[in-house]
Amino acid sequence: MASADIRFYFDPVCPFCWLTSKWIRMVQAERDLSVDWRFISLRLINEHIDYDAHFPPEYEAGHTAGLRLLRVVARAREKHGAEAVDALQAALGAHIFDTPPADTSDDRADRERRGTREFLEPILREVDLPDDLADALDDPSWDDAIRADGDEALALTGKDVGTPIIHFEPPDGVAFFGPVMSRLPEPGRAGEVWDHVIGLARFPGFAELKRSLREKPQLVGFGVAPGTVGAEEDWHGGSRRQRSERG
């Protein structure tokens, strides 16, 4: 989809990536824009990192599940095209984040479950894709395609970023990490937010806006009901800061 207005690089297990993708879909409706959904794996980005030292204990399981799901989406792209990626990106995010967690008492197990056939096959059927795409969950040969998309994104932004990455007005436009959102704009105002973001992105000298204080994402899967505001937390390196880091 070389002529898309936006290239959106996603990992299906990132909550902020999911919220930003929902905003982008609102923008699509308000601004009649096209989106090319591409891949970036948090597990591959962080493959050189000691998870025990840098992340909460459940993160490695979640990032690994995300890579497993992206293998399936990569196979779907090869076999069924960009429309299959669009459908799976939306369906996976809805099941992961817009439904209550399966077992809130064991966060690690709940995140691991997202990378299983038991979780995935009903979603494939929901979007009219064949169950056998799930064979890719355990097939690392798809990692090259995922890594290629991620390397493409990081070549545009630099490596000190996470997900999502958006390439504005490709192929010549600039790409940025974010915008990171904890809740969605009101209906009818998504395009207004887009106008401000794209205005900054078009300025050649703009590099970064950032704050680590964020509201807990307004997602049912995080226990935050629609219409309410999550508690403010301090995030660092894609995760909530650990007490030992705060001192």
C-alpha atoms as a PDB file:
ATOM      1  CA  MET A   1       0.000   0.000   0.000  1.00  0.00           C
ATOM      2  CA  ALA A   2       2.626   2.498  -1.142  1.00  0.00           C
ATOM      3  CA  SER A   3       0.109   5.321  -1.585  1.00  0.00           C
ATOM      4  CA  ALA A   4      -1.329   5.231   1.965  1.00  0.00           C
ATOM      5  CA  ASP A   5      -1.608   8.542   3.818  1.00  0.00           C
ATOM      6  CA  ILE A   6      -0.288   6.973   7.042  1.00  0.00           C
ATOM      7  CA  ARG A   7       1.951   4.043   7.872  1.00  0.00           C
ATOM      8  CA  PHE A   8       1.157   2.812  11.361  1.00  0.00           C
ATOM      9  CA  TYR A   9       3.627   0.403  12.979  1.00  0.00           C
ATOM     10  CA  PHE A  10       1.940  -1.606  15.727  1.00  0.00           C
ATOM     11  CA  ASP A  11       2.492  -4.304  18.297  1.00  0.00           C
ATOM     12  CA  PRO A  12      -0.875  -5.826  19.277  1.00  0.00           C
ATOM     13  CA  VAL A  13      -0.004  -6.102  22.982  1.00  0.00           C
ATOM     14  CA  CYS A  14       0.848  -2.424  23.602  1.00  0.00           C
ATOM     15  CA  PRO A  15      -2.097  -0.621  25.268  1.00  0.00           C
ATOM     16  CA  PHE A  16      -1.011   2.873  24.264  1.00  0.00           C
ATOM     17  CA  CYS A  17      -0.453   1.665  20.703  1.00  0.00           C
ATOM     18  CA  TRP A  18      -4.001   0.303  20.741  1.00  0.00           C
ATOM     19  CA  LEU A  19      -5.488   3.591  21.950  1.00  0.00           C
ATOM     20  CA  THR A  20      -3.567   5.565  19.338  1.00  0.00           C
ATOM     21  CA  SER A  21      -4.742   3.153  16.637  1.00  0.00           C
ATOM     22  CA  LYS A  22      -8.352   3.710  17.719  1.00  0.00           C
ATOM     23  CA  TRP A  23      -7.779   7.449  17.420  1.00  0.00           C
ATOM     24  CA  ILE A  24      -6.274   6.957  13.954  1.00  0.00           C
ATOM     25  CA  ARG A  25      -9.366   5.017  12.901  1.00  0.00           C
ATOM     26  CA  MET A  26     -11.495   7.937  14.102  1.00  0.00           C
ATOM     27  CA  VAL A  27      -9.275  10.264  12.056  1.00  0.00           C
ATOM     28  CA  GLN A  28      -9.732   8.003   9.026  1.00  0.00           C
ATOM     29  CA  ALA A  29     -13.473   8.533   9.248  1.00  0.00           C
ATOM     30  CA  GLU A  30     -13.226  12.304   9.761  1.00  0.00           C
ATOM     31  CA  ARG A  31     -10.444  13.039   7.249  1.00  0.00           C
ATOM     32  CA  ASP A  32     -10.909  10.221   4.704  1.00  0.00           C
ATOM     33  CA  LEU A  33      -7.337   8.998   5.116  1.00  0.00           C
ATOM     34  CA  SER A  34      -5.880   5.590   4.237  1.00  0.00           C
ATOM     35  CA  VAL A  35      -3.689   3.577   6.621  1.00  0.00           C
ATOM     36  CA  ASP A  36      -1.059   0.952   5.897  1.00  0.00           C
ATOM     37  CA  TRP A  37      -0.769  -1.191   9.054  1.00  0.00           C
ATOM     38  CA  ARG A  38       2.795  -2.437   9.537  1.00  0.00           C
ATOM     39  CA  PHE A  39       4.664  -4.325  12.246  1.00  0.00           C
ATOM     40  CA  ILE A  40       7.014  -3.481  15.065  1.00  0.00           C
ATOM     41  CA  SER A  41       7.708  -6.041  17.791  1.00  0.00           C
ATOM     42  CA  LEU A  42       8.473  -4.923  21.330  1.00  0.00           C
ATOM     43  CA  ARG A  43      10.054  -8.326  21.911  1.00  0.00           C
ATOM     44  CA  LEU A  44      12.458  -7.845  19.004  1.00  0.00           C
ATOM     45  CA  ILE A  45      13.195  -4.220  19.922  1.00  0.00           C
ATOM     46  CA  ASN A  46      14.142  -5.395  23.411  1.00  0.00           C
ATOM     47  CA  GLU A  47      15.854  -8.651  22.487  1.00  0.00           C
ATOM     48  CA  HIS A  48      19.183  -7.340  23.816  1.00  0.00           C
ATOM     49  CA  ILE A  49      17.702  -6.243  27.174  1.00  0.00           C
ATOM     50  CA  ASP A  50      17.635  -8.136  30.473  1.00  0.00           C
ATOM     51  CA  TYR A  51      13.886  -8.189  31.100  1.00  0.00           C
ATOM     52  CA  ASP A  52      14.287  -9.044  34.799  1.00  0.00           C
ATOM     53  CA  ALA A  53      16.369  -5.921  35.335  1.00  0.00           C
ATOM     54  CA  HIS A  54      14.389  -3.457  33.226  1.00  0.00           C
ATOM     55  CA  PHE A  55      10.705  -4.447  33.213  1.00  0.00           C
ATOM     56  CA  PRO A  56       7.949  -5.630  35.550  1.00  0.00           C
ATOM     57  CA  PRO A  57       7.875  -9.441  35.771  1.00  0.00           C
ATOM     58  CA  GLU A  58       4.920  -9.946  33.422  1.00  0.00           C
ATOM     59  CA  TYR A  59       6.318  -7.910  30.511  1.00  0.00           C
ATOM     60  CA  GLU A  60       8.440 -10.583  28.870  1.00  0.00           C
ATOM     61  CA  ALA A  61       5.451 -12.917  28.624  1.00  0.00           C
ATOM     62  CA  GLY A  62       3.357 -10.129  27.112  1.00  0.00           C
ATOM     63  CA  HIS A  63       5.972  -9.043  24.585  1.00  0.00           C
ATOM     64  CA  THR A  64       6.584 -12.652  23.560  1.00  0.00           C
ATOM     65  CA  ALA A  65       2.863 -13.137  23.005  1.00  0.00           C
ATOM     66  CA  GLY A  66       2.880 -10.014  20.845  1.00  0.00           C
ATOM     67  CA  LEU A  67       5.642 -11.422  18.663  1.00  0.00           C
ATOM     68  CA  ARG A  68       3.738 -14.701  18.296  1.00  0.00           C
ATOM     69  CA  LEU A  69       0.615 -12.815  17.207  1.00  0.00           C
ATOM     70  CA  LEU A  70       2.584 -10.692  14.747  1.00  0.00           C
ATOM     71  CA  ARG A  71       3.890 -13.876  13.117  1.00  0.00           C
ATOM     72  CA  VAL A  72       0.290 -14.807  12.377  1.00  0.00           C
ATOM     73  CA  VAL A  73      -0.511 -11.326  11.064  1.00  0.00           C
ATOM     74  CA  ALA A  74       2.600 -11.452   8.860  1.00  0.00           C
ATOM     75  CA  ARG A  75       1.425 -14.753   7.406  1.00  0.00           C
ATOM     76  CA  ALA A  76      -2.053 -13.283   6.908  1.00  0.00           C
ATOM     77  CA  ARG A  77      -0.534 -10.338   5.030  1.00  0.00           C
ATOM     78  CA  GLU A  78       1.343 -12.656   2.687  1.00  0.00           C
ATOM     79  CA  LYS A  79      -1.632 -14.961   2.090  1.00  0.00           C
ATOM     80  CA  HIS A  80      -4.571 -12.544   2.218  1.00  0.00           C
ATOM     81  CA  GLY A  81      -3.218  -9.014   1.800  1.00  0.00           C
ATOM     82  CA  ALA A  82      -3.435  -5.684   3.619  1.00  0.00           C
ATOM     83  CA  GLU A  83      -7.162  -6.007   4.364  1.00  0.00           C
ATOM     84  CA  ALA A  84      -6.438  -9.028   6.560  1.00  0.00           C
ATOM     85  CA  VAL A  85      -3.873  -7.021   8.538  1.00  0.00           C
ATOM     86  CA  ASP A  86      -6.400  -4.219   9.024  1.00  0.00           C
ATOM     87  CA  ALA A  87      -9.023  -6.658  10.289  1.00  0.00           C
ATOM     88  CA  LEU A  88      -6.668  -8.531  12.605  1.00  0.00           C
ATOM     89  CA  GLN A  89      -5.156  -5.375  14.089  1.00  0.00           C
ATOM     90  CA  ALA A  90      -8.636  -4.199  15.077  1.00  0.00           C
ATOM     91  CA  ALA A  91      -9.889  -7.566  16.311  1.00  0.00           C
ATOM     92  CA  LEU A  92      -6.791  -8.447  18.344  1.00  0.00           C
ATOM     93  CA  GLY A  93      -6.771  -5.089  20.111  1.00  0.00           C
ATOM     94  CA  ALA A  94     -10.472  -5.308  20.898  1.00  0.00           C
ATOM     95  CA  HIS A  95     -10.093  -8.761  22.457  1.00  0.00           C
ATOM     96  CA  ILE A  96      -6.947  -7.893  24.395  1.00  0.00           C
ATOM     97  CA  PHE A  97      -7.868  -4.451  25.709  1.00  0.00           C
ATOM     98  CA  ASP A  98     -11.590  -3.803  25.264  1.00  0.00           C
ATOM     99  CA  THR A  99     -12.707  -6.902  27.174  1.00  0.00           C
ATOM    100  CA  PRO A 100     -12.106  -7.715  30.863  1.00  0.00           C
ATOM    101  CA  PRO A 101      -8.934  -9.710  31.546  1.00  0.00           C
ATOM    102  CA  ALA A 102      -9.485 -13.462  31.750  1.00  0.00           C
ATOM    103  CA  ASP A 103      -7.717 -13.855  35.093  1.00  0.00           C
ATOM    104  CA  THR A 104      -6.758 -10.711  36.968  1.00  0.00           C
ATOM    105  CA  SER A 105      -5.077 -12.789  39.692  1.00  0.00           C
ATOM    106  CA  ASP A 106      -2.292 -13.953  37.364  1.00  0.00           C
ATOM    107  CA  ASP A 107      -1.216 -11.202  34.983  1.00  0.00           C
ATOM    108  CA  ARG A 108       1.673 -13.200  33.541  1.00  0.00           C
ATOM    109  CA  ALA A 109      -0.555 -16.158  32.644  1.00  0.00           C
ATOM    110  CA  ASP A 110      -3.165 -13.848  31.135  1.00  0.00           C
ATOM    111  CA  ARG A 111      -0.522 -12.234  28.909  1.00  0.00           C
ATOM    112  CA  GLU A 112       0.901 -15.626  27.898  1.00  0.00           C
ATOM    113  CA  ARG A 113      -2.595 -16.788  26.918  1.00  0.00           C
ATOM    114  CA  ARG A 114      -2.748 -14.087  24.234  1.00  0.00           C
ATOM    115  CA  GLY A 115      -0.085 -15.953  22.268  1.00  0.00           C
ATOM    116  CA  THR A 116      -1.975 -19.271  22.125  1.00  0.00           C
ATOM    117  CA  ARG A 117      -4.200 -20.971  19.573  1.00  0.00           C
ATOM    118  CA  GLU A 118      -6.998 -21.053  22.156  1.00  0.00           C
ATOM    119  CA  PHE A 119      -7.016 -17.251  22.211  1.00  0.00           C
ATOM    120  CA  LEU A 120      -6.315 -16.650  18.535  1.00  0.00           C
ATOM    121  CA  GLU A 121      -8.447 -19.109  16.570  1.00  0.00           C
ATOM    122  CA  PRO A 122     -11.835 -17.604  17.582  1.00  0.00           C
ATOM    123  CA  ILE A 123     -10.509 -14.197  16.479  1.00  0.00           C
ATOM    124  CA  LEU A 124      -9.422 -15.574  13.114  1.00  0.00           C
ATOM    125  CA  ARG A 125     -12.904 -17.007  12.595  1.00  0.00           C
ATOM    126  CA  GLU A 126     -14.444 -13.699  13.667  1.00  0.00           C
ATOM    127  CA  VAL A 127     -12.670 -11.904  10.794  1.00  0.00           C
ATOM    128  CA  ASP A 128     -13.272 -14.737   8.296  1.00  0.00           C
ATOM    129  CA  LEU A 129      -9.677 -15.925   8.139  1.00  0.00           C
ATOM    130  CA  PRO A 130      -8.663 -19.601   8.237  1.00  0.00           C
ATOM    131  CA  ASP A 131      -7.662 -21.259  11.503  1.00  0.00           C
ATOM    132  CA  ASP A 132      -4.470 -22.648   9.979  1.00  0.00           C
ATOM    133  CA  LEU A 133      -2.926 -19.168  10.036  1.00  0.00           C
ATOM    134  CA  ALA A 134      -2.362 -19.916  13.721  1.00  0.00           C
ATOM    135  CA  ASP A 135       0.372 -22.367  12.699  1.00  0.00           C
ATOM    136  CA  ALA A 136       2.619 -19.306  12.418  1.00  0.00           C
ATOM    137  CA  LEU A 137       2.520 -18.731  16.204  1.00  0.00           C
ATOM    138  CA  ASP A 138       5.445 -21.129  16.635  1.00  0.00           C
ATOM    139  CA  ASP A 139       7.193 -20.370  13.349  1.00  0.00           C
ATOM    140  CA  PRO A 140      10.150 -17.973  13.803  1.00  0.00           C
ATOM    141  CA  SER A 141      10.695 -17.816  10.050  1.00  0.00           C
ATOM    142  CA  TRP A 142       8.147 -14.959  10.050  1.00  0.00           C
ATOM    143  CA  ASP A 143      10.369 -12.917  12.371  1.00  0.00           C
ATOM    144  CA  ASP A 144      12.423 -11.656   9.419  1.00  0.00           C
ATOM    145  CA  ALA A 145       9.383  -9.928   7.912  1.00  0.00           C
ATOM    146  CA  ILE A 146       8.428  -8.449  11.279  1.00  0.00           C
ATOM    147  CA  ARG A 147      11.983  -7.282  11.901  1.00  0.00           C
ATOM    148  CA  ALA A 148      12.144  -5.711   8.430  1.00  0.00           C
ATOM    149  CA  ASP A 149       9.066  -3.583   9.139  1.00  0.00           C
ATOM    150  CA  GLY A 150      10.428  -2.611  12.553  1.00  0.00           C
ATOM    151  CA  ASP A 151      13.841  -1.734  11.150  1.00  0.00           C
ATOM    152  CA  GLU A 152      12.109   0.412   8.534  1.00  0.00           C
ATOM    153  CA  ALA A 153      10.317   2.336  11.291  1.00  0.00           C
ATOM    154  CA  LEU A 154      13.399   2.729  13.484  1.00  0.00           C
ATOM    155  CA  ALA A 155      15.420   3.969  10.520  1.00  0.00           C
ATOM    156  CA  LEU A 156      12.970   6.870  10.341  1.00  0.00           C
ATOM    157  CA  THR A 157      12.743   7.680  14.059  1.00  0.00           C
ATOM    158  CA  GLY A 158      15.968   6.483  15.670  1.00  0.00           C
ATOM    159  CA  LYS A 159      16.119   3.609  18.136  1.00  0.00           C
ATOM    160  CA  ASP A 160      15.218   5.279  21.453  1.00  0.00           C
ATOM    161  CA  VAL A 161      11.484   4.819  20.899  1.00  0.00           C
ATOM    162  CA  GLY A 162       8.657   2.343  21.446  1.00  0.00           C
ATOM    163  CA  THR A 163       5.204   1.789  19.971  1.00  0.00           C
ATOM    164  CA  PRO A 164       3.320   3.095  18.150  1.00  0.00           C
ATOM    165  CA  ILE A 165       5.363   4.639  15.362  1.00  0.00           C
ATOM    166  CA  ILE A 166       3.510   6.642  12.732  1.00  0.00           C
ATOM    167  CA  HIS A 167       5.005   7.628   9.385  1.00  0.00           C
ATOM    168  CA  PHE A 168       3.147  10.754   8.307  1.00  0.00           C
ATOM    169  CA  GLU A 169       2.581  11.316   4.579  1.00  0.00           C
ATOM    170  CA  PRO A 170       4.960   8.579   3.371  1.00  0.00           C
ATOM    171  CA  PRO A 171       7.284   8.058   1.679  1.00  0.00           C
ATOM    172  CA  ASP A 172       8.734  11.557   2.082  1.00  0.00           C
ATOM    173  CA  GLY A 173       7.080  12.615   5.339  1.00  0.00           C
ATOM    174  CA  VAL A 174       8.624  12.271   8.778  1.00  0.00           C
ATOM    175  CA  ALA A 175       7.924   9.521  11.327  1.00  0.00           C
ATOM    176  CA  PHE A 176       7.523   9.805  15.106  1.00  0.00           C
ATOM    177  CA  PHE A 177       6.932   7.614  18.131  1.00  0.00           C
ATOM    178  CA  GLY A 178       3.417   8.382  19.344  1.00  0.00           C
ATOM    179  CA  PRO A 179       1.338  10.327  19.937  1.00  0.00           C
ATOM    180  CA  VAL A 180       0.881   8.400  23.192  1.00  0.00           C
ATOM    181  CA  MET A 181      -2.688   8.668  24.448  1.00  0.00           C
ATOM    182  CA  SER A 182      -4.390   7.460  27.605  1.00  0.00           C
ATOM    183  CA  ARG A 183      -7.922   8.236  26.356  1.00  0.00           C
ATOM    184  CA  LEU A 184      -9.639   9.076  23.100  1.00  0.00           C
ATOM    185  CA  PRO A 185     -10.858  12.467  21.913  1.00  0.00           C
ATOM    186  CA  GLU A 186     -14.582  13.101  21.946  1.00  0.00           C
ATOM    187  CA  PRO A 187     -16.392  12.030  18.760  1.00  0.00           C
ATOM    188  CA  GLY A 188     -15.903  14.641  16.070  1.00  0.00           C
ATOM    189  CA  ARG A 189     -12.663  15.992  17.581  1.00  0.00           C
ATOM    190  CA  ALA A 190     -10.212  13.296  16.480  1.00  0.00           C
ATOM    191  CA  GLY A 191      -9.447  15.246  13.310  1.00  0.00           C
ATOM    192  CA  GLU A 192      -8.755  18.376  15.333  1.00  0.00           C
ATOM    193  CA  VAL A 193      -6.112  16.519  17.339  1.00  0.00           C
ATOM    194  CA  TRP A 194      -4.736  15.133  14.072  1.00  0.00           C
ATOM    195  CA  ASP A 195      -4.400  18.634  12.628  1.00  0.00           C
ATOM    196  CA  HIS A 196      -2.250  19.699  15.583  1.00  0.00           C
ATOM    197  CA  VAL A 197      -0.081  16.573  15.420  1.00  0.00           C
ATOM    198  CA  ILE A 198       0.453  16.753  11.672  1.00  0.00           C
ATOM    199  CA  GLY A 199       1.223  20.471  11.994  1.00  0.00           C
ATOM    200  CA  LEU A 200       4.134  19.665  14.282  1.00  0.00           C
ATOM    201  CA  ALA A 201       5.213  16.700  12.175  1.00  0.00           C
ATOM    202  CA  ARG A 202       5.429  18.859   9.056  1.00  0.00           C
ATOM    203  CA  PHE A 203       7.798  21.353  10.716  1.00  0.00           C
ATOM    204  CA  PRO A 204      11.338  20.217   9.802  1.00  0.00           C
ATOM    205  CA  GLY A 205      12.813  21.368  13.108  1.00  0.00           C
ATOM    206  CA  PHE A 206      10.397  19.513  15.380  1.00  0.00           C
ATOM    207  CA  ALA A 207      11.954  16.571  17.229  1.00  0.00           C
ATOM    208  CA  GLU A 208      10.062  15.601  20.392  1.00  0.00           C
ATOM    209  CA  LEU A 209       7.419  16.336  23.014  1.00  0.00           C
ATOM    210  CA  LYS A 210       7.423  13.937  25.966  1.00  0.00           C
ATOM    211  CA  ARG A 211       6.250  13.434  29.535  1.00  0.00           C
ATOM    212  CA  SER A 212       6.506  10.213  31.522  1.00  0.00           C
ATOM    213  CA  LEU A 213       3.450  10.940  33.699  1.00  0.00           C
ATOM    214  CA  ARG A 214       0.440   9.283  32.057  1.00  0.00           C
ATOM    215  CA  GLU A 215      -3.063   8.310  33.041  1.00  0.00           C
ATOM    216  CA  LYS A 216      -3.715   4.612  33.278  1.00  0.00           C
ATOM    217  CA  PRO A 217      -5.106   3.782  29.813  1.00  0.00           C
ATOM    218  CA  GLN A 218      -8.868   4.165  29.553  1.00  0.00           C
ATOM    219  CA  LEU A 219      -9.367   0.506  28.675  1.00  0.00           C
ATOM    220  CA  VAL A 220     -11.676  -2.119  30.108  1.00  0.00           C
ATOM    221  CA  GLY A 221      -8.773  -4.570  30.056  1.00  0.00           C
ATOM    222  CA  PHE A 222      -6.972  -2.282  32.522  1.00  0.00           C
ATOM    223  CA  GLY A 223      -9.983  -2.029  34.801  1.00  0.00           C
ATOM    224  CA  VAL A 224     -10.782   1.552  33.708  1.00  0.00           C
ATOM    225  CA  ALA A 225     -14.423   1.919  32.762  1.00  0.00           C
ATOM    226  CA  PRO A 226     -15.448   3.966  29.705  1.00  0.00           C
ATOM    227  CA  GLY A 227     -16.006   7.599  30.600  1.00  0.00           C
ATOM    228  CA  THR A 228     -13.711   7.486  33.627  1.00  0.00           C
ATOM    229  CA  VAL A 229     -10.125   8.670  33.952  1.00  0.00           C
ATOM    230  CA  GLY A 230      -7.373   6.313  35.033  1.00  0.00           C
ATOM    231  CA  ALA A 231      -5.009   7.160  37.877  1.00  0.00           C
ATOM    232  CA  GLU A 232      -1.861   9.025  36.882  1.00  0.00           C
ATOM    233  CA  GLU A 233       1.261   6.866  36.841  1.00  0.00           C
ATOM    234  CA  ASP A 234       4.925   7.436  36.017  1.00  0.00           C
ATOM    235  CA  TRP A 235       6.057   5.444  32.965  1.00  0.00           C
ATOM    236  CA  HIS A 236       9.606   4.842  31.803  1.00  0.00           C
ATOM    237  CA  GLY A 237      10.940   2.825  28.897  1.00  0.00           C
ATOM    238  CA  GLY A 238       7.451   1.586  28.030  1.00  0.00           C
ATOM    239  CA  SER A 239       6.580   0.371  31.538  1.00  0.00           C
ATOM    240  CA  ARG A 240       5.341   1.737  34.826  1.00  0.00           C
ATOM    241  CA  ARG A 241       8.294   2.801  36.972  1.00  0.00           C
ATOM    242  CA  GLN A 242       9.180   0.322  39.650  1.00  0.00           C
ATOM    243  CA  ARG A 243       9.378   1.464  43.261  1.00  0.00           C
ATOM    244  CA  SER A 244      13.110   0.736  43.377  1.00  0.00           C
ATOM    245  CA  GLU A 245      13.652   3.107  40.459  1.00  0.00           C
ATOM    246  CA  ARG A 246      11.822   5.930  42.205  1.00  0.00           C
ATOM    247  CA  GLY A 247      13.989   5.580  45.318  1.00  0.00           C
END
